[in-house]
Protein backbone atom coordinates (compact mmCIF):
# COMPACT_ATOMS: atom_id res chain seq x y z
CA UNK A 1 14.81 21.45 -29.23
CA UNK A 2 15.89 17.81 -29.11
CA UNK A 3 16.62 15.39 -26.30
CA UNK A 4 16.43 17.46 -23.15
CA UNK A 5 17.93 15.38 -20.34
CA UNK A 6 21.44 16.82 -20.80
CA UNK A 7 20.37 20.41 -21.47
CA UNK A 8 20.24 21.50 -17.81
CA UNK A 9 22.61 21.48 -14.87
CA UNK A 10 25.98 23.12 -14.26
CA UNK A 11 27.45 22.09 -17.62
CA UNK A 12 24.58 21.72 -20.12
CA UNK A 13 25.07 20.17 -23.54
CA UNK A 14 23.59 21.19 -26.87
CA UNK A 15 21.34 18.37 -28.11
CA UNK A 16 19.41 19.83 -31.06
CA UNK A 17 16.97 17.89 -33.19
CA UNK A 18 18.41 15.65 -35.89
CA UNK A 19 17.44 15.70 -39.58
CA UNK A 20 16.50 12.23 -40.92
CA UNK A 21 19.89 11.76 -42.61
CA UNK A 22 21.78 12.24 -39.34
CA UNK A 23 19.26 10.22 -37.33
CA UNK A 24 19.46 7.14 -39.56
CA UNK A 25 23.25 7.36 -39.86
CA UNK A 26 23.66 7.52 -36.06
CA UNK A 27 21.10 4.75 -35.53
CA UNK A 28 22.94 2.40 -37.90
CA UNK A 29 26.30 3.15 -36.26
CA UNK A 30 24.94 2.64 -32.72
CA UNK A 31 23.21 -0.60 -33.68
CA UNK A 32 26.41 -1.95 -35.22
CA UNK A 33 28.46 -1.07 -32.14
CA UNK A 34 25.94 -2.60 -29.73
CA UNK A 35 25.72 -5.84 -31.73
CA UNK A 36 29.23 -6.59 -30.56
CA UNK A 37 27.74 -6.87 -27.07
CA UNK A 38 24.13 -8.03 -27.59
CA UNK A 39 22.48 -10.52 -29.92
CA UNK A 40 19.32 -8.41 -30.22
CA UNK A 41 19.54 -4.69 -30.95
CA UNK A 42 16.64 -2.71 -32.37
CA UNK A 43 14.72 0.55 -32.28
CA UNK A 44 10.95 1.21 -32.31
CA UNK A 45 9.19 1.99 -35.59
CA UNK A 46 9.32 5.76 -36.08
CA UNK A 47 6.22 7.92 -36.19
CA UNK A 48 4.86 9.11 -39.56
CA UNK A 49 5.94 12.28 -41.35
CA UNK A 50 8.93 12.84 -39.08
CA UNK A 51 10.90 15.86 -40.29
CA UNK A 52 13.45 15.61 -37.50
CA UNK A 53 14.18 13.61 -34.34
CA UNK A 54 14.80 14.66 -30.76
CA UNK A 55 16.70 11.57 -29.62
CA UNK A 56 17.43 7.96 -30.51
CA UNK A 57 15.74 5.07 -28.68
CA UNK A 58 17.43 1.65 -28.68
CA UNK A 59 16.43 -1.63 -27.06
CA UNK A 60 18.92 -4.42 -26.43
CA UNK A 61 18.58 -7.98 -25.12
CA UNK A 62 20.58 -11.21 -24.72
CA UNK A 63 24.13 -10.19 -23.86
CA UNK A 64 26.42 -12.18 -26.16
CA UNK A 65 28.83 -13.23 -23.42
CA UNK A 66 25.96 -14.93 -21.58
CA UNK A 67 24.60 -16.74 -24.63
CA UNK A 68 28.02 -17.88 -25.82
CA UNK A 69 30.24 -17.86 -22.71
CA UNK A 70 33.92 -18.43 -23.29
CA UNK A 71 34.52 -19.38 -19.66
CA UNK A 72 32.43 -20.20 -16.56
CA UNK A 73 33.22 -16.75 -15.17
CA UNK A 74 31.68 -15.05 -18.21
CA UNK A 75 28.18 -16.49 -17.80
CA UNK A 76 27.38 -14.33 -14.75
CA UNK A 77 24.77 -11.63 -15.59
CA UNK A 78 25.83 -8.01 -15.08
CA UNK A 79 23.73 -5.17 -13.77
CA UNK A 80 22.99 -1.98 -15.68
CA UNK A 81 25.79 -0.12 -13.88
CA UNK A 82 28.39 -2.63 -15.11
CA UNK A 83 26.95 -2.77 -18.62
CA UNK A 84 26.82 1.02 -18.83
CA UNK A 85 30.59 1.39 -18.79
CA UNK A 86 31.03 -0.94 -21.79
CA UNK A 87 28.08 0.57 -23.66
CA UNK A 88 29.39 4.08 -23.07
CA UNK A 89 32.79 3.06 -24.45
CA UNK A 90 31.25 1.27 -27.45
CA UNK A 91 29.27 4.36 -28.46
CA UNK A 92 32.02 6.84 -27.59
CA UNK A 93 29.61 8.65 -25.25
CA UNK A 94 30.85 11.62 -23.25
CA UNK A 95 28.05 11.71 -20.67
CA UNK A 96 25.78 9.09 -19.17
CA UNK A 97 22.86 8.93 -16.75
CA UNK A 98 21.93 5.50 -15.43
CA UNK A 99 18.50 4.47 -14.11
CA UNK A 100 18.87 1.12 -12.32
CA UNK A 101 15.14 0.97 -11.52
CA UNK A 102 14.15 0.85 -15.20
CA UNK A 103 17.31 -0.93 -16.38
CA UNK A 104 18.01 1.92 -18.77
CA UNK A 105 20.49 4.68 -19.46
CA UNK A 106 20.79 7.99 -21.29
CA UNK A 107 23.95 8.75 -23.23
CA UNK A 108 25.26 11.89 -24.89
CA UNK A 109 27.34 11.11 -27.98
CA UNK A 110 29.09 13.66 -30.22
CA UNK A 111 27.34 14.86 -33.36
CA UNK A 112 28.85 12.94 -36.33
CA UNK A 113 31.87 14.59 -37.90
CA UNK A 114 31.54 15.86 -41.45
CA UNK A 115 27.74 16.14 -41.07
CA UNK A 116 26.29 19.61 -41.20
CA UNK A 117 25.49 21.29 -37.92
CA UNK A 118 21.91 22.30 -37.14
CA UNK A 119 21.01 25.66 -38.65
CA UNK A 120 20.53 27.35 -35.29
CA UNK A 121 24.06 26.43 -34.15
CA UNK A 122 27.29 28.16 -35.14
CA UNK A 123 30.12 26.18 -36.72
CA UNK A 124 32.17 26.13 -33.50
CA UNK A 125 29.35 24.87 -31.27
CA UNK A 126 29.80 21.27 -30.11
CA UNK A 127 26.52 19.41 -30.57
CA UNK A 128 25.51 16.10 -29.08
CA UNK A 129 22.87 13.46 -29.64
CA UNK A 130 20.88 11.89 -26.81
CA UNK A 131 20.69 8.11 -27.04
CA UNK A 132 18.28 6.29 -24.71
CA UNK A 133 19.04 2.60 -24.20
CA UNK A 134 16.76 0.06 -22.48
CA UNK A 135 18.19 -3.31 -21.46
CA UNK A 136 15.42 -5.90 -21.76
CA UNK A 137 15.55 -8.96 -19.51
CA UNK A 138 14.12 -11.25 -22.21
CA UNK A 139 12.65 -11.24 -25.70
CA UNK A 140 9.05 -11.03 -24.49
CA UNK A 141 9.85 -7.77 -22.72
CA UNK A 142 11.61 -6.48 -25.83
CA UNK A 143 8.68 -7.35 -28.11
CA UNK A 144 6.23 -5.59 -25.77
CA UNK A 145 8.45 -2.50 -25.49
CA UNK A 146 8.76 -2.33 -29.28
CA UNK A 147 4.99 -2.69 -29.65
CA UNK A 148 4.26 -0.06 -27.02
CA UNK A 149 6.71 2.44 -28.55
CA UNK A 150 5.92 1.82 -32.22
CA UNK A 151 4.70 4.62 -34.47
CA UNK A 152 5.51 7.41 -32.06
CA UNK A 153 2.24 8.54 -30.47
CA UNK A 154 0.15 5.57 -31.63
CA UNK A 155 -0.24 4.19 -28.13
CA UNK A 156 -0.88 7.63 -26.70
CA UNK A 157 -3.97 7.68 -28.93
CA UNK A 158 -4.96 4.07 -28.27
CA UNK A 159 -4.50 4.61 -24.55
CA UNK A 160 -6.95 7.51 -24.59
CA UNK A 161 -9.48 5.29 -26.41
CA UNK A 162 -9.33 2.26 -24.12
CA UNK A 163 -8.85 3.99 -20.77
CA UNK A 164 -12.54 4.92 -20.18
CA UNK A 165 -13.40 1.22 -20.56
CA UNK A 166 -11.08 0.10 -17.76
CA UNK A 167 -8.08 -0.91 -19.90
CA UNK A 168 -4.51 0.34 -19.57
CA UNK A 169 -1.35 -0.58 -21.46
CA UNK A 170 1.66 -0.05 -19.20
CA UNK A 171 5.30 -1.15 -19.37
CA UNK A 172 4.35 -4.75 -18.49
CA UNK A 173 1.39 -5.41 -20.77
CA UNK A 174 -2.32 -4.81 -21.27
CA UNK A 175 -4.09 -4.50 -17.92
CA UNK A 176 -7.67 -4.42 -16.66
CA UNK A 177 -8.28 -1.87 -13.91
CA UNK A 178 -10.42 -2.58 -10.83
CA UNK A 179 -12.60 0.53 -10.29
CA UNK A 180 -12.96 0.04 -6.52
CA UNK A 181 -9.18 0.27 -6.15
CA UNK A 182 -7.88 2.57 -8.88
CA UNK A 183 -8.72 5.88 -7.19
CA UNK A 184 -6.62 4.89 -4.17
CA UNK A 185 -3.82 2.83 -5.72
CA UNK A 186 -3.35 2.77 -9.50
CA UNK A 187 -0.77 -0.03 -9.55
CA UNK A 188 -2.64 -2.41 -7.24
CA UNK A 189 -5.80 -1.82 -9.27
CA UNK A 190 -4.26 -3.44 -12.37
CA UNK A 191 -4.80 -7.05 -13.40
CA UNK A 192 -2.40 -8.15 -16.14
CA UNK A 193 -4.25 -9.55 -19.15
CA UNK A 194 -1.45 -10.29 -21.62
CA UNK A 195 2.03 -9.27 -22.77
CA UNK A 196 1.43 -10.56 -26.30
CA UNK A 197 0.99 -7.72 -28.83
CA UNK A 198 -1.00 -9.94 -31.21
CA UNK A 199 -3.46 -10.89 -28.47
CA UNK A 200 -3.89 -7.21 -27.63
CA UNK A 201 -4.66 -6.25 -31.22
CA UNK A 202 -7.11 -9.13 -31.64
CA UNK A 203 -8.91 -8.13 -28.45
CA UNK A 204 -9.15 -4.54 -29.69
CA UNK A 205 -10.44 -5.73 -33.07
CA UNK A 206 -7.48 -4.34 -35.01
CA UNK A 207 -5.63 -5.83 -37.97
CA UNK A 208 -2.13 -7.11 -37.27
CA UNK A 209 -0.63 -7.74 -40.70
CA UNK A 210 0.87 -4.79 -42.52
CA UNK A 211 0.66 -2.27 -39.68
CA UNK A 212 3.48 -3.18 -37.31
CA UNK A 213 6.43 -3.72 -39.63
CA UNK A 214 7.10 -0.25 -41.06
CA UNK A 215 6.15 3.40 -40.46
CA UNK A 216 2.80 4.74 -41.61
CA UNK A 217 3.17 6.91 -44.72
CA UNK A 218 1.16 9.77 -43.21
CA UNK A 219 -0.30 10.84 -39.90
CA UNK A 220 -3.80 10.57 -41.37
CA UNK A 221 -3.22 6.93 -42.35
CA UNK A 222 -2.12 6.20 -38.79
CA UNK A 223 -5.20 7.99 -37.43
CA UNK A 224 -7.46 5.92 -39.68
CA UNK A 225 -5.84 2.71 -38.46
CA UNK A 226 -6.17 3.71 -34.78
CA UNK A 227 -9.85 4.39 -35.44
CA UNK A 228 -10.37 0.73 -36.36
CA UNK A 229 -10.13 -0.12 -32.65
CA UNK A 230 -13.53 -1.59 -31.74
CA UNK A 231 -13.73 0.66 -28.66
CA UNK A 232 -13.19 3.81 -30.67
CA UNK A 233 -16.05 6.27 -30.88
CA UNK A 234 -16.80 9.90 -31.53
CA UNK A 235 -19.74 11.52 -29.76
CA UNK A 236 -22.64 12.53 -31.96
CA UNK A 237 -22.85 15.89 -30.19
CA UNK A 238 -19.15 16.38 -29.47
CA UNK A 239 -15.86 15.61 -31.22
CA UNK A 240 -14.26 14.59 -27.94
CA UNK A 241 -13.51 10.96 -27.00
CA UNK A 242 -15.53 9.29 -24.20
CA UNK A 243 -15.33 11.20 -20.90
CA UNK A 244 -11.97 10.75 -19.19
CA UNK A 245 -10.72 13.05 -16.47
CA UNK A 246 -7.26 11.51 -16.60
CA UNK A 247 -4.66 14.25 -16.15
CA UNK A 248 -2.46 12.52 -18.74
CA UNK A 249 -5.02 13.30 -21.44
CA UNK A 250 -4.96 16.99 -20.55
CA UNK A 251 -1.17 17.00 -20.51
CA UNK A 252 -1.00 15.29 -23.90
CA UNK A 253 -3.15 18.04 -25.39
CA UNK A 254 -0.53 20.58 -24.33
CA UNK A 255 2.67 18.69 -25.06
CA UNK A 256 1.99 16.28 -27.96
CA UNK A 257 1.15 17.89 -31.34
CA UNK A 258 0.00 14.56 -32.84
CA UNK A 259 -2.45 13.98 -29.98
CA UNK A 260 -3.74 17.55 -30.31
CA UNK A 261 -4.20 17.07 -34.06
CA UNK A 262 -6.13 13.85 -33.37
CA UNK A 263 -8.53 15.65 -31.02
CA UNK A 264 -8.84 18.98 -32.79
CA UNK A 265 -8.73 17.87 -36.44
CA UNK A 266 -9.30 14.14 -37.03
CA UNK A 267 -12.12 13.52 -34.54
CA UNK A 268 -14.20 16.50 -35.68
CA UNK A 269 -13.89 15.29 -39.27
CA UNK A 270 -15.15 11.84 -38.30
CA UNK A 271 -17.92 13.36 -36.20
CA UNK A 272 -19.03 15.42 -39.19
CA UNK A 273 -19.17 12.23 -41.25
CA UNK A 274 -21.38 10.56 -38.64
CA UNK A 275 -18.80 8.02 -37.45
CA UNK A 276 -19.65 8.06 -33.77
CA UNK A 277 -21.15 4.64 -33.14
CA UNK A 278 -19.61 2.08 -30.80
CA UNK A 279 -20.90 -1.47 -31.16
CA UNK A 280 -24.30 -0.07 -32.18
CA UNK A 281 -24.49 2.41 -29.28
CA UNK A 282 -24.51 6.10 -30.08
CA UNK A 283 -24.73 7.43 -26.53
CA UNK A 284 -21.48 6.74 -24.71
CA UNK A 285 -21.67 9.64 -22.27
CA UNK A 286 -21.97 7.01 -19.52
CA UNK A 287 -19.36 4.32 -20.08
CA UNK A 288 -20.06 2.41 -16.85
CA UNK A 289 -22.20 -0.29 -18.50
CA UNK A 290 -19.77 -0.57 -21.39
CA UNK A 291 -16.90 -0.85 -18.94
CA UNK A 292 -18.57 -3.84 -17.28
CA UNK A 293 -19.14 -5.39 -20.68
CA UNK A 294 -15.49 -4.94 -21.67
CA UNK A 295 -14.44 -6.36 -18.30
CA UNK A 296 -16.52 -9.49 -18.88
CA UNK A 297 -15.09 -9.84 -22.38
CA UNK A 298 -11.59 -9.64 -20.90
CA UNK A 299 -12.54 -12.34 -18.37
CA UNK A 300 -13.48 -14.67 -21.23
CA UNK A 301 -10.58 -13.77 -23.51
CA UNK A 302 -7.77 -13.98 -20.94
CA UNK A 303 -9.21 -16.20 -18.15
CA UNK A 304 -8.43 -13.66 -15.42
CA UNK A 305 -11.79 -13.55 -13.61
CA UNK A 306 -10.57 -15.54 -10.54
CA UNK A 307 -7.48 -13.32 -10.30
CA UNK A 308 -9.61 -10.16 -10.59
CA UNK A 309 -12.02 -11.08 -7.79
CA UNK A 310 -9.24 -12.44 -5.56
CA UNK A 311 -7.29 -9.21 -5.98
CA UNK A 312 -10.35 -7.12 -5.14
CA UNK A 313 -11.15 -9.26 -2.09
CA UNK A 314 -7.58 -9.07 -0.83
CA UNK A 315 -7.71 -5.28 -1.15
CA UNK A 316 -11.01 -5.05 0.68
CA UNK A 317 -9.78 -7.33 3.49
CA UNK A 318 -6.77 -5.07 4.04
CA UNK A 319 -8.80 -1.85 3.86
CA UNK A 320 -11.90 -3.04 5.76
CA UNK A 321 -10.70 -2.30 9.34
CA UNK A 322 -9.77 1.28 8.52
CA UNK A 323 -13.03 1.80 6.62
CA UNK A 324 -15.10 0.51 9.56
CA UNK A 325 -13.19 2.72 12.02
CA UNK A 326 -13.89 5.76 9.84
CA UNK A 327 -17.56 4.78 9.57
CA UNK A 328 -17.86 4.52 13.36
CA UNK A 329 -16.22 7.93 13.82
CA UNK A 330 -18.53 9.54 11.28
CA UNK A 331 -21.63 8.11 12.99
CA UNK A 332 -20.79 9.69 16.36
CA UNK A 333 -21.30 13.44 17.04
CA UNK A 334 -18.09 15.50 17.02
CA UNK A 335 -19.16 17.92 19.77
CA UNK A 336 -19.05 15.43 22.65
CA UNK A 337 -16.74 15.80 25.63
CA UNK A 338 -13.33 14.54 24.40
CA UNK A 339 -12.91 12.13 27.33
CA UNK A 340 -16.43 10.77 26.90
CA UNK A 341 -16.03 10.46 23.11
CA UNK A 342 -12.68 8.69 23.43
CA UNK A 343 -14.09 6.05 25.76
CA UNK A 344 -17.17 5.71 23.55
CA UNK A 345 -15.10 5.10 20.39
CA UNK A 346 -12.93 2.52 22.13
CA UNK A 347 -16.01 0.65 23.40
CA UNK A 348 -17.85 0.64 20.06
CA UNK A 349 -14.77 -0.59 18.20
CA UNK A 350 -14.50 -3.48 20.66
CA UNK A 351 -18.19 -4.34 20.27
CA UNK A 352 -18.31 -4.01 16.47
CA UNK A 353 -14.85 -5.21 15.46
CA UNK A 354 -13.90 -7.62 18.27
CA UNK A 355 -17.37 -8.97 19.21
CA UNK A 356 -16.76 -7.85 22.81
CA UNK A 357 -19.55 -8.56 25.29
CA UNK A 358 -18.00 -6.69 28.24
CA UNK A 359 -20.46 -3.82 27.96
CA UNK A 360 -23.51 -6.08 27.89
CA UNK A 361 -24.73 -4.71 24.55
CA UNK A 362 -24.22 -6.47 21.22
CA UNK A 363 -25.88 -6.22 17.78
CA UNK A 364 -29.05 -8.28 17.44
CA UNK A 365 -27.83 -9.51 14.03
CA UNK A 366 -24.33 -10.06 12.70
CA UNK A 367 -22.95 -6.96 11.01
CA UNK A 368 -20.73 -9.09 8.75
CA UNK A 369 -21.51 -11.35 5.84
CA UNK A 370 -20.22 -14.87 5.27
CA UNK A 371 -16.91 -13.55 3.92
CA UNK A 372 -16.36 -11.29 6.92
CA UNK A 373 -17.20 -7.98 5.25
CA UNK A 374 -19.34 -5.44 7.10
CA UNK A 375 -22.76 -4.31 6.02
CA UNK A 376 -22.06 -0.59 6.16
CA UNK A 377 -25.72 0.48 6.49
CA UNK A 378 -26.40 -1.96 9.35
CA UNK A 379 -23.17 -0.96 11.10
CA UNK A 380 -23.96 2.74 10.88
CA UNK A 381 -27.51 2.14 12.12
CA UNK A 382 -26.24 0.16 15.12
CA UNK A 383 -23.80 2.92 16.09
CA UNK A 384 -26.32 5.75 15.65
CA UNK A 385 -28.98 3.93 17.67
CA UNK A 386 -26.73 2.82 20.54
CA UNK A 387 -23.88 5.28 20.95
CA UNK A 388 -25.49 7.13 23.87
CA UNK A 389 -26.10 3.99 25.91
CA UNK A 390 -22.69 2.54 25.03
CA UNK A 391 -21.09 5.87 25.92
CA UNK A 392 -22.66 5.89 29.39
CA UNK A 393 -21.58 2.28 30.01
CA UNK A 394 -18.06 2.97 28.77
CA UNK A 395 -17.67 6.15 30.75
CA UNK A 396 -18.97 4.46 33.93
CA UNK A 397 -16.50 1.63 33.44
CA UNK A 398 -13.71 4.13 32.94
CA UNK A 399 -14.79 6.15 35.99
CA UNK A 400 -15.07 3.08 38.19
CA UNK A 401 -11.61 1.95 37.15
CA UNK A 402 -10.21 5.44 37.66
CA UNK A 403 -11.60 5.83 41.19
CA UNK A 404 -10.65 2.26 42.07
CA UNK A 405 -7.12 3.13 41.02
CA UNK A 406 -7.13 6.24 43.19
CA UNK A 407 -8.42 4.29 46.16
CA UNK A 408 -5.74 1.62 45.66
CA UNK A 409 -3.08 4.30 45.49
CA UNK A 410 -4.33 5.92 48.71
CA UNK A 411 -4.26 2.57 50.52
CA UNK A 412 -0.76 1.86 49.25
CA UNK A 413 0.45 5.28 50.37
CA UNK A 414 -1.20 4.81 53.78
CA UNK A 415 0.54 1.47 54.29
CA UNK A 416 3.84 3.03 53.35
CA UNK A 417 3.36 5.86 55.84
CA UNK A 418 2.43 3.38 58.59
CA UNK A 419 5.53 1.30 57.97
CA UNK A 420 7.78 4.35 58.07
CA UNK A 421 6.28 5.51 61.39
CA UNK A 422 7.01 2.20 63.12
């Protein structure tokens, strides 16, 4: 089974896995064709011990016509939809799927003529190769994408190591996650640290030279290099990495053989050798303290502390009203008369959140700190101690207004009747 994006639908294509000879031949031909359109064309470093390949990944940047325009009209950037037509023609692709959101495309190109067909296919079966192309907006983006995709599953392994300590490497760069936000919004919880691969490796305590220019000779050599990450550890009592309930980790165990080999083979071997220490700490069952330490190290290394706290404050400011409303609701009994409870909630929200004095009852002390955030314990205590009295005042105010309205309506109707009788 190779690239799978064209294998379903009304007219599926056969895209079997490629032997190394076919893969490298197709890669060289695609690179040459694309260099007529782009100054920079490359592919990520392949994973170790690859016996075959499911698809071909290519990154391109700096469209030639923009760098060396032959006329003023030719220096206007084109979108992925426009570029796709020329790229499809250059690679002689028969099918294409464009993703404008990621500035990428998938192409299906014919299996090279005169090269042997895969063993599982008959001689008359038309086979195709899936080529995935990403159009990078600049060289920094290209360098990061190459780094993130290098060595196959290398970053799948590194990601599982650094995640419990609040670090994530996404498509933009290395990020620090804010724990108060990440359970509710993963993207808004991220603070970008750097897009520089060298800075990332230095921060993780890993050697740069000699490891990011060519494939690792074996999977075990790659594993040993990944284990040089300063956040890497193996439990003394368990071969598993630090606790991480991330669903991605569980999915990787099922779908990625290299990741499964890392967990089921390499880590137990290291655990048996006693290599489970992390910065002198053997017990990493609770990573909370270590996560704070790594956060503070990131503050110093990348100067993002003001951004981190500003981002957290902005989040809290936006979420505070809803949180206070929910707190007020939870502090009031649910079995009250619906009309009474509705008036009570409205009154307490006005008192607590709008500093209303119309009910003649206000907190003895401010429920908010100097930055405007509520003390949740004090707020709950105020509501629990005063809801009955506030409820009576609110319901009386509602009742008085209701009956005053009825009386006004009666008077209005009476005047209308009197006028009609005259």
